């Protein structure tokens, strides 16, 4: 449990300096968003003192809040513009959505666990991130009624990019996702052109699996089959 006099502003500044600028995060808008969003408000109360550590943290339901560097890197790879409409698949605690909300007009985020949806809504509202809409559902299906999206961020590992999400990405938009199995994932970046998709690859990563119609089957996950 954190002390009442913990200086979170100082801890955030240190996080940005050591974990982000000290690596390869160069987008000034992303750095400012990471500097401003109170990460400690998006973790369980008994983990607040660990909120700015260089690593992921458990948030319940077998899910995690990603390492600050990974949040910043995936956001940077989206190459966001101020008037973008963004879809995040895998809301979790709401932290990534809060970071995105500082950079774009609208954020739509979807999560399959109702307990996490309720927590994220409460945290985002309390912290005044009012341009974020949290949906409950299968993230691999996206949110067709809100499409197209200028950018899509998937924060769980999928065997491939779900077809509905490719369809809901606007021409000129970018999609970032960890693709692979439990033992081997890499960040994949798609840019949608009139004639198809351009593909780039970033770094190896480790995420929980994306469960859904166009992701991993929950029974396969339970049996460990997504190792293959």
C-alpha atoms as a PDB file:
ATOM      1  CA  UNK A   1       0.000   0.000   0.000  1.00  0.00           C
ATOM      2  CA  UNK A   2       1.322   3.412  -0.931  1.00  0.00           C
ATOM      3  CA  UNK A   3       2.033   6.116   1.614  1.00  0.00           C
ATOM      4  CA  UNK A   4      -0.332   9.137   1.678  1.00  0.00           C
ATOM      5  CA  UNK A   5       2.585  11.400   0.822  1.00  0.00           C
ATOM      6  CA  UNK A   6       3.822   9.354  -2.177  1.00  0.00           C
ATOM      7  CA  UNK A   7       4.865  11.743  -4.936  1.00  0.00           C
ATOM      8  CA  UNK A   8       3.333  10.057  -7.972  1.00  0.00           C
ATOM      9  CA  UNK A   9       4.195  12.979 -10.248  1.00  0.00           C
ATOM     10  CA  UNK A  10       7.871  12.396  -9.518  1.00  0.00           C
ATOM     11  CA  UNK A  11       7.495   8.650 -10.040  1.00  0.00           C
ATOM     12  CA  UNK A  12       5.804   9.208 -13.417  1.00  0.00           C
ATOM     13  CA  UNK A  13       8.563  11.581 -14.505  1.00  0.00           C
ATOM     14  CA  UNK A  14      11.172   9.006 -13.511  1.00  0.00           C
ATOM     15  CA  UNK A  15       9.259   6.306 -15.411  1.00  0.00           C
ATOM     16  CA  UNK A  16       9.199   8.443 -18.554  1.00  0.00           C
ATOM     17  CA  UNK A  17      12.877   9.321 -18.286  1.00  0.00           C
ATOM     18  CA  UNK A  18      14.248   5.863 -17.503  1.00  0.00           C
ATOM     19  CA  UNK A  19      11.810   3.438 -19.126  1.00  0.00           C
ATOM     20  CA  UNK A  20      10.649   5.374 -22.192  1.00  0.00           C
ATOM     21  CA  UNK A  21      13.098   8.079 -23.246  1.00  0.00           C
ATOM     22  CA  UNK A  22      15.886   5.779 -22.093  1.00  0.00           C
ATOM     23  CA  UNK A  23      14.730   3.270 -24.695  1.00  0.00           C
ATOM     24  CA  UNK A  24      13.191   4.176 -28.051  1.00  0.00           C
ATOM     25  CA  UNK A  25      10.047   6.195 -27.298  1.00  0.00           C
ATOM     26  CA  UNK A  26      10.512   9.469 -29.173  1.00  0.00           C
ATOM     27  CA  UNK A  27       6.956  10.645 -29.917  1.00  0.00           C
ATOM     28  CA  UNK A  28       6.574  13.776 -27.777  1.00  0.00           C
ATOM     29  CA  UNK A  29       2.799  13.467 -27.561  1.00  0.00           C
ATOM     30  CA  UNK A  30       3.043   9.877 -26.350  1.00  0.00           C
ATOM     31  CA  UNK A  31       5.650  10.849 -23.760  1.00  0.00           C
ATOM     32  CA  UNK A  32       3.424  13.664 -22.487  1.00  0.00           C
ATOM     33  CA  UNK A  33       0.426  11.341 -22.227  1.00  0.00           C
ATOM     34  CA  UNK A  34       2.469   8.805 -20.262  1.00  0.00           C
ATOM     35  CA  UNK A  35       3.708  11.652 -18.071  1.00  0.00           C
ATOM     36  CA  UNK A  36       0.164  12.820 -17.319  1.00  0.00           C
ATOM     37  CA  UNK A  37      -1.974   9.688 -16.881  1.00  0.00           C
ATOM     38  CA  UNK A  38      -2.032   8.562 -13.213  1.00  0.00           C
ATOM     39  CA  UNK A  39      -1.169   4.883 -13.695  1.00  0.00           C
ATOM     40  CA  UNK A  40      -1.515   4.208  -9.952  1.00  0.00           C
ATOM     41  CA  UNK A  41      -5.271   4.812 -10.250  1.00  0.00           C
ATOM     42  CA  UNK A  42      -5.572   1.912 -12.721  1.00  0.00           C
ATOM     43  CA  UNK A  43      -4.045  -0.843 -10.601  1.00  0.00           C
ATOM     44  CA  UNK A  44      -5.415  -2.655  -7.513  1.00  0.00           C
ATOM     45  CA  UNK A  45      -5.052  -0.559  -4.347  1.00  0.00           C
ATOM     46  CA  UNK A  46      -2.558  -2.971  -2.789  1.00  0.00           C
ATOM     47  CA  UNK A  47      -0.303  -2.572  -5.863  1.00  0.00           C
ATOM     48  CA  UNK A  48      -0.268   1.222  -6.093  1.00  0.00           C
ATOM     49  CA  UNK A  49       3.311   1.326  -4.814  1.00  0.00           C
ATOM     50  CA  UNK A  50       4.303  -0.835  -7.826  1.00  0.00           C
ATOM     51  CA  UNK A  51       2.380   1.136 -10.459  1.00  0.00           C
ATOM     52  CA  UNK A  52       5.434   2.799 -12.021  1.00  0.00           C
ATOM     53  CA  UNK A  53       7.712  -0.237 -11.939  1.00  0.00           C
ATOM     54  CA  UNK A  54       9.155  -1.536 -15.207  1.00  0.00           C
ATOM     55  CA  UNK A  55       6.817  -4.500 -15.621  1.00  0.00           C
ATOM     56  CA  UNK A  56       3.214  -5.741 -15.958  1.00  0.00           C
ATOM     57  CA  UNK A  57       0.894  -6.165 -12.958  1.00  0.00           C
ATOM     58  CA  UNK A  58      -2.051  -8.471 -12.284  1.00  0.00           C
ATOM     59  CA  UNK A  59      -5.497  -6.816 -12.344  1.00  0.00           C
ATOM     60  CA  UNK A  60      -7.676  -9.892 -11.752  1.00  0.00           C
ATOM     61  CA  UNK A  61      -9.513 -12.359 -14.026  1.00  0.00           C
ATOM     62  CA  UNK A  62      -6.126 -13.673 -15.180  1.00  0.00           C
ATOM     63  CA  UNK A  63      -5.422 -10.345 -16.932  1.00  0.00           C
ATOM     64  CA  UNK A  64      -2.643  -7.776 -16.569  1.00  0.00           C
ATOM     65  CA  UNK A  65      -1.900  -4.093 -17.018  1.00  0.00           C
ATOM     66  CA  UNK A  66       0.981  -3.963 -19.475  1.00  0.00           C
ATOM     67  CA  UNK A  67       4.487  -2.749 -18.727  1.00  0.00           C
ATOM     68  CA  UNK A  68       4.670   1.059 -19.213  1.00  0.00           C
ATOM     69  CA  UNK A  69       7.195   0.699 -22.037  1.00  0.00           C
ATOM     70  CA  UNK A  70       4.904  -1.650 -23.982  1.00  0.00           C
ATOM     71  CA  UNK A  71       1.947   0.711 -23.535  1.00  0.00           C
ATOM     72  CA  UNK A  72       4.046   3.585 -24.889  1.00  0.00           C
ATOM     73  CA  UNK A  73       5.559   1.548 -27.745  1.00  0.00           C
ATOM     74  CA  UNK A  74       2.224   0.216 -29.015  1.00  0.00           C
ATOM     75  CA  UNK A  75       0.743   3.715 -28.802  1.00  0.00           C
ATOM     76  CA  UNK A  76       3.694   5.172 -30.700  1.00  0.00           C
ATOM     77  CA  UNK A  77       3.380   2.518 -33.426  1.00  0.00           C
ATOM     78  CA  UNK A  78      -0.208   3.663 -34.093  1.00  0.00           C
ATOM     79  CA  UNK A  79       1.111   7.083 -35.273  1.00  0.00           C
ATOM     80  CA  UNK A  80      -2.019   8.790 -33.946  1.00  0.00           C
ATOM     81  CA  UNK A  81      -3.463  12.113 -35.029  1.00  0.00           C
ATOM     82  CA  UNK A  82      -5.601  14.352 -32.857  1.00  0.00           C
ATOM     83  CA  UNK A  83      -8.881  13.766 -34.703  1.00  0.00           C
ATOM     84  CA  UNK A  84      -8.600   9.953 -34.799  1.00  0.00           C
ATOM     85  CA  UNK A  85     -11.240   7.509 -33.595  1.00  0.00           C
ATOM     86  CA  UNK A  86      -9.534   4.536 -31.976  1.00  0.00           C
ATOM     87  CA  UNK A  87     -10.666   1.029 -31.067  1.00  0.00           C
ATOM     88  CA  UNK A  88      -8.859  -0.796 -28.276  1.00  0.00           C
ATOM     89  CA  UNK A  89      -9.480  -4.539 -27.959  1.00  0.00           C
ATOM     90  CA  UNK A  90      -8.862  -5.627 -24.366  1.00  0.00           C
ATOM     91  CA  UNK A  91      -9.707  -2.763 -22.028  1.00  0.00           C
ATOM     92  CA  UNK A  92      -8.385  -4.418 -18.866  1.00  0.00           C
ATOM     93  CA  UNK A  93      -7.956  -1.779 -16.175  1.00  0.00           C
ATOM     94  CA  UNK A  94      -8.591   1.144 -18.547  1.00  0.00           C
ATOM     95  CA  UNK A  95      -5.035   2.513 -18.406  1.00  0.00           C
ATOM     96  CA  UNK A  96      -4.185   2.091 -22.081  1.00  0.00           C
ATOM     97  CA  UNK A  97      -7.521   3.673 -23.010  1.00  0.00           C
ATOM     98  CA  UNK A  98      -6.712   6.649 -20.772  1.00  0.00           C
ATOM     99  CA  UNK A  99      -3.369   7.123 -22.533  1.00  0.00           C
ATOM    100  CA  UNK A 100      -5.061   6.934 -25.938  1.00  0.00           C
ATOM    101  CA  UNK A 101      -7.728   9.408 -24.834  1.00  0.00           C
ATOM    102  CA  UNK A 102      -5.071  12.079 -24.331  1.00  0.00           C
ATOM    103  CA  UNK A 103      -4.061  11.784 -27.981  1.00  0.00           C
ATOM    104  CA  UNK A 104      -7.290  11.435 -29.998  1.00  0.00           C
ATOM    105  CA  UNK A 105     -10.911  12.582 -30.220  1.00  0.00           C
ATOM    106  CA  UNK A 106     -12.627   9.317 -29.309  1.00  0.00           C
ATOM    107  CA  UNK A 107     -11.632   5.957 -27.853  1.00  0.00           C
ATOM    108  CA  UNK A 108     -13.849   2.884 -27.981  1.00  0.00           C
ATOM    109  CA  UNK A 109     -12.608  -0.018 -25.893  1.00  0.00           C
ATOM    110  CA  UNK A 110     -14.035  -3.522 -25.502  1.00  0.00           C
ATOM    111  CA  UNK A 111     -13.519  -6.117 -22.765  1.00  0.00           C
ATOM    112  CA  UNK A 112     -15.025  -9.581 -22.229  1.00  0.00           C
ATOM    113  CA  UNK A 113     -14.971  -9.581 -18.402  1.00  0.00           C
ATOM    114  CA  UNK A 114     -17.863  -7.616 -16.884  1.00  0.00           C
ATOM    115  CA  UNK A 115     -15.957  -7.083 -13.622  1.00  0.00           C
ATOM    116  CA  UNK A 116     -13.118  -5.360 -15.504  1.00  0.00           C
ATOM    117  CA  UNK A 117     -15.585  -3.344 -17.597  1.00  0.00           C
ATOM    118  CA  UNK A 118     -17.208  -1.999 -14.432  1.00  0.00           C
ATOM    119  CA  UNK A 119     -13.863  -1.183 -12.828  1.00  0.00           C
ATOM    120  CA  UNK A 120     -12.552   0.516 -15.976  1.00  0.00           C
ATOM    121  CA  UNK A 121     -15.676   2.658 -16.342  1.00  0.00           C
ATOM    122  CA  UNK A 122     -15.437   3.722 -12.720  1.00  0.00           C
ATOM    123  CA  UNK A 123     -11.737   4.570 -12.944  1.00  0.00           C
ATOM    124  CA  UNK A 124     -11.989   6.427 -16.242  1.00  0.00           C
ATOM    125  CA  UNK A 125     -14.946   8.495 -15.052  1.00  0.00           C
ATOM    126  CA  UNK A 126     -13.282   9.286 -11.736  1.00  0.00           C
ATOM    127  CA  UNK A 127     -10.155  10.487 -13.564  1.00  0.00           C
ATOM    128  CA  UNK A 128     -12.235  12.570 -16.033  1.00  0.00           C
ATOM    129  CA  UNK A 129     -11.443  10.634 -19.210  1.00  0.00           C
ATOM    130  CA  UNK A 130     -14.840  11.292 -20.752  1.00  0.00           C
ATOM    131  CA  UNK A 131     -13.974  10.612 -24.409  1.00  0.00           C
ATOM    132  CA  UNK A 132     -13.676   6.859 -23.727  1.00  0.00           C
ATOM    133  CA  UNK A 133     -16.605   4.455 -24.217  1.00  0.00           C
ATOM    134  CA  UNK A 134     -16.217   1.006 -22.623  1.00  0.00           C
ATOM    135  CA  UNK A 135     -18.101  -1.923 -24.179  1.00  0.00           C
ATOM    136  CA  UNK A 136     -18.666  -5.463 -22.867  1.00  0.00           C
ATOM    137  CA  UNK A 137     -18.275  -8.193 -25.478  1.00  0.00           C
ATOM    138  CA  UNK A 138     -16.104 -10.311 -27.754  1.00  0.00           C
ATOM    139  CA  UNK A 139     -13.289  -8.030 -28.830  1.00  0.00           C
ATOM    140  CA  UNK A 140     -12.452 -10.136 -31.884  1.00  0.00           C
ATOM    141  CA  UNK A 141     -15.753  -8.956 -33.388  1.00  0.00           C
ATOM    142  CA  UNK A 142     -14.885  -5.298 -32.875  1.00  0.00           C
ATOM    143  CA  UNK A 143     -17.693  -2.739 -32.657  1.00  0.00           C
ATOM    144  CA  UNK A 144     -19.250  -2.648 -36.158  1.00  0.00           C
ATOM    145  CA  UNK A 145     -21.735   0.130 -35.368  1.00  0.00           C
ATOM    146  CA  UNK A 146     -18.873   2.507 -34.510  1.00  0.00           C
ATOM    147  CA  UNK A 147     -16.629   1.577 -37.459  1.00  0.00           C
ATOM    148  CA  UNK A 148     -14.576   2.570 -39.317  1.00  0.00           C
ATOM    149  CA  UNK A 149     -11.714   3.290 -36.939  1.00  0.00           C
ATOM    150  CA  UNK A 150      -8.595   5.286 -37.772  1.00  0.00           C
ATOM    151  CA  UNK A 151      -6.524   3.048 -35.511  1.00  0.00           C
ATOM    152  CA  UNK A 152      -7.016  -0.285 -33.749  1.00  0.00           C
ATOM    153  CA  UNK A 153      -4.944  -1.583 -30.849  1.00  0.00           C
ATOM    154  CA  UNK A 154      -5.197  -5.224 -29.726  1.00  0.00           C
ATOM    155  CA  UNK A 155      -3.799  -5.815 -26.245  1.00  0.00           C
ATOM    156  CA  UNK A 156      -3.944  -9.621 -26.157  1.00  0.00           C
ATOM    157  CA  UNK A 157      -2.168 -12.257 -28.248  1.00  0.00           C
ATOM    158  CA  UNK A 158      -4.011 -13.644 -31.261  1.00  0.00           C
ATOM    159  CA  UNK A 159      -3.038 -16.380 -33.732  1.00  0.00           C
ATOM    160  CA  UNK A 160      -3.690 -13.825 -36.494  1.00  0.00           C
ATOM    161  CA  UNK A 161      -5.406 -10.478 -36.972  1.00  0.00           C
ATOM    162  CA  UNK A 162      -9.182 -11.065 -36.608  1.00  0.00           C
ATOM    163  CA  UNK A 163     -10.939 -10.535 -39.944  1.00  0.00           C
ATOM    164  CA  UNK A 164     -13.663  -8.235 -38.514  1.00  0.00           C
ATOM    165  CA  UNK A 165     -10.999  -5.888 -37.160  1.00  0.00           C
ATOM    166  CA  UNK A 166      -9.289  -5.659 -40.550  1.00  0.00           C
ATOM    167  CA  UNK A 167     -12.666  -4.793 -42.054  1.00  0.00           C
ATOM    168  CA  UNK A 168     -13.367  -2.114 -39.428  1.00  0.00           C
ATOM    169  CA  UNK A 169     -10.034  -0.342 -39.984  1.00  0.00           C
ATOM    170  CA  UNK A 170     -10.320   2.763 -42.164  1.00  0.00           C
ATOM    171  CA  UNK A 171      -8.210   3.125 -45.285  1.00  0.00           C
ATOM    172  CA  UNK A 172      -4.992   4.815 -44.204  1.00  0.00           C
ATOM    173  CA  UNK A 173      -5.431   3.486 -40.663  1.00  0.00           C
ATOM    174  CA  UNK A 174      -3.014   1.421 -38.623  1.00  0.00           C
ATOM    175  CA  UNK A 175      -3.542  -1.667 -36.483  1.00  0.00           C
ATOM    176  CA  UNK A 176      -1.072  -2.917 -33.855  1.00  0.00           C
ATOM    177  CA  UNK A 177      -1.328  -6.355 -32.272  1.00  0.00           C
ATOM    178  CA  UNK A 178       0.764  -9.102 -30.629  1.00  0.00           C
ATOM    179  CA  UNK A 179       0.555 -12.136 -32.914  1.00  0.00           C
ATOM    180  CA  UNK A 180       1.612 -15.687 -32.025  1.00  0.00           C
ATOM    181  CA  UNK A 181       1.265 -18.378 -29.369  1.00  0.00           C
ATOM    182  CA  UNK A 182       2.057 -18.334 -25.662  1.00  0.00           C
ATOM    183  CA  UNK A 183       5.687 -19.125 -26.290  1.00  0.00           C
ATOM    184  CA  UNK A 184       6.288 -16.790 -29.246  1.00  0.00           C
ATOM    185  CA  UNK A 185       4.633 -13.449 -30.057  1.00  0.00           C
ATOM    186  CA  UNK A 186       5.697 -10.402 -32.015  1.00  0.00           C
ATOM    187  CA  UNK A 187       4.141  -6.976 -32.396  1.00  0.00           C
ATOM    188  CA  UNK A 188       2.650  -6.723 -35.879  1.00  0.00           C
ATOM    189  CA  UNK A 189       1.741  -3.402 -37.478  1.00  0.00           C
ATOM    190  CA  UNK A 190      -0.731  -3.249 -40.368  1.00  0.00           C
ATOM    191  CA  UNK A 191      -1.425  -0.183 -42.481  1.00  0.00           C
ATOM    192  CA  UNK A 192      -4.560  -0.389 -44.598  1.00  0.00           C
ATOM    193  CA  UNK A 193      -4.224   0.866 -48.174  1.00  0.00           C
ATOM    194  CA  UNK A 194      -6.764   0.975 -50.981  1.00  0.00           C
ATOM    195  CA  UNK A 195      -5.109  -2.082 -52.507  1.00  0.00           C
ATOM    196  CA  UNK A 196      -4.509  -4.111 -49.326  1.00  0.00           C
ATOM    197  CA  UNK A 197      -2.345  -4.101 -46.226  1.00  0.00           C
ATOM    198  CA  UNK A 198       1.263  -3.132 -45.625  1.00  0.00           C
ATOM    199  CA  UNK A 199       2.891  -5.143 -42.825  1.00  0.00           C
ATOM    200  CA  UNK A 200       5.711  -4.263 -40.444  1.00  0.00           C
ATOM    201  CA  UNK A 201       7.060  -6.061 -37.386  1.00  0.00           C
ATOM    202  CA  UNK A 202       8.367  -4.603 -34.129  1.00  0.00           C
ATOM    203  CA  UNK A 203       9.613  -6.554 -31.098  1.00  0.00           C
ATOM    204  CA  UNK A 204       8.944  -9.906 -29.367  1.00  0.00           C
ATOM    205  CA  UNK A 205       6.365  -9.556 -26.576  1.00  0.00           C
ATOM    206  CA  UNK A 206       4.366 -11.604 -24.064  1.00  0.00           C
ATOM    207  CA  UNK A 207       0.610 -11.094 -23.656  1.00  0.00           C
ATOM    208  CA  UNK A 208      -2.343 -13.066 -22.327  1.00  0.00           C
ATOM    209  CA  UNK A 209      -4.385 -14.746 -25.117  1.00  0.00           C
ATOM    210  CA  UNK A 210      -7.133 -13.034 -27.078  1.00  0.00           C
ATOM    211  CA  UNK A 211     -10.194 -15.205 -26.468  1.00  0.00           C
ATOM    212  CA  UNK A 212     -13.099 -14.984 -28.907  1.00  0.00           C
ATOM    213  CA  UNK A 213     -14.666 -16.143 -32.155  1.00  0.00           C
ATOM    214  CA  UNK A 214     -11.695 -14.966 -34.230  1.00  0.00           C
ATOM    215  CA  UNK A 215      -9.035 -15.473 -31.563  1.00  0.00           C
ATOM    216  CA  UNK A 216      -8.176 -18.372 -29.284  1.00  0.00           C
ATOM    217  CA  UNK A 217     -10.836 -20.749 -28.004  1.00  0.00           C
ATOM    218  CA  UNK A 218     -11.119 -20.679 -24.207  1.00  0.00           C
ATOM    219  CA  UNK A 219     -11.091 -24.504 -24.018  1.00  0.00           C
ATOM    220  CA  UNK A 220      -7.874 -24.644 -26.026  1.00  0.00           C
ATOM    221  CA  UNK A 221      -6.337 -22.037 -23.717  1.00  0.00           C
ATOM    222  CA  UNK A 222      -7.317 -24.041 -20.629  1.00  0.00           C
ATOM    223  CA  UNK A 223      -5.719 -27.147 -22.130  1.00  0.00           C
ATOM    224  CA  UNK A 224      -2.556 -25.299 -23.026  1.00  0.00           C
ATOM    225  CA  UNK A 225      -3.063 -25.805 -26.761  1.00  0.00           C
ATOM    226  CA  UNK A 226      -2.205 -22.228 -27.594  1.00  0.00           C
ATOM    227  CA  UNK A 227       1.422 -23.119 -26.896  1.00  0.00           C
ATOM    228  CA  UNK A 228       1.501 -24.687 -30.391  1.00  0.00           C
END
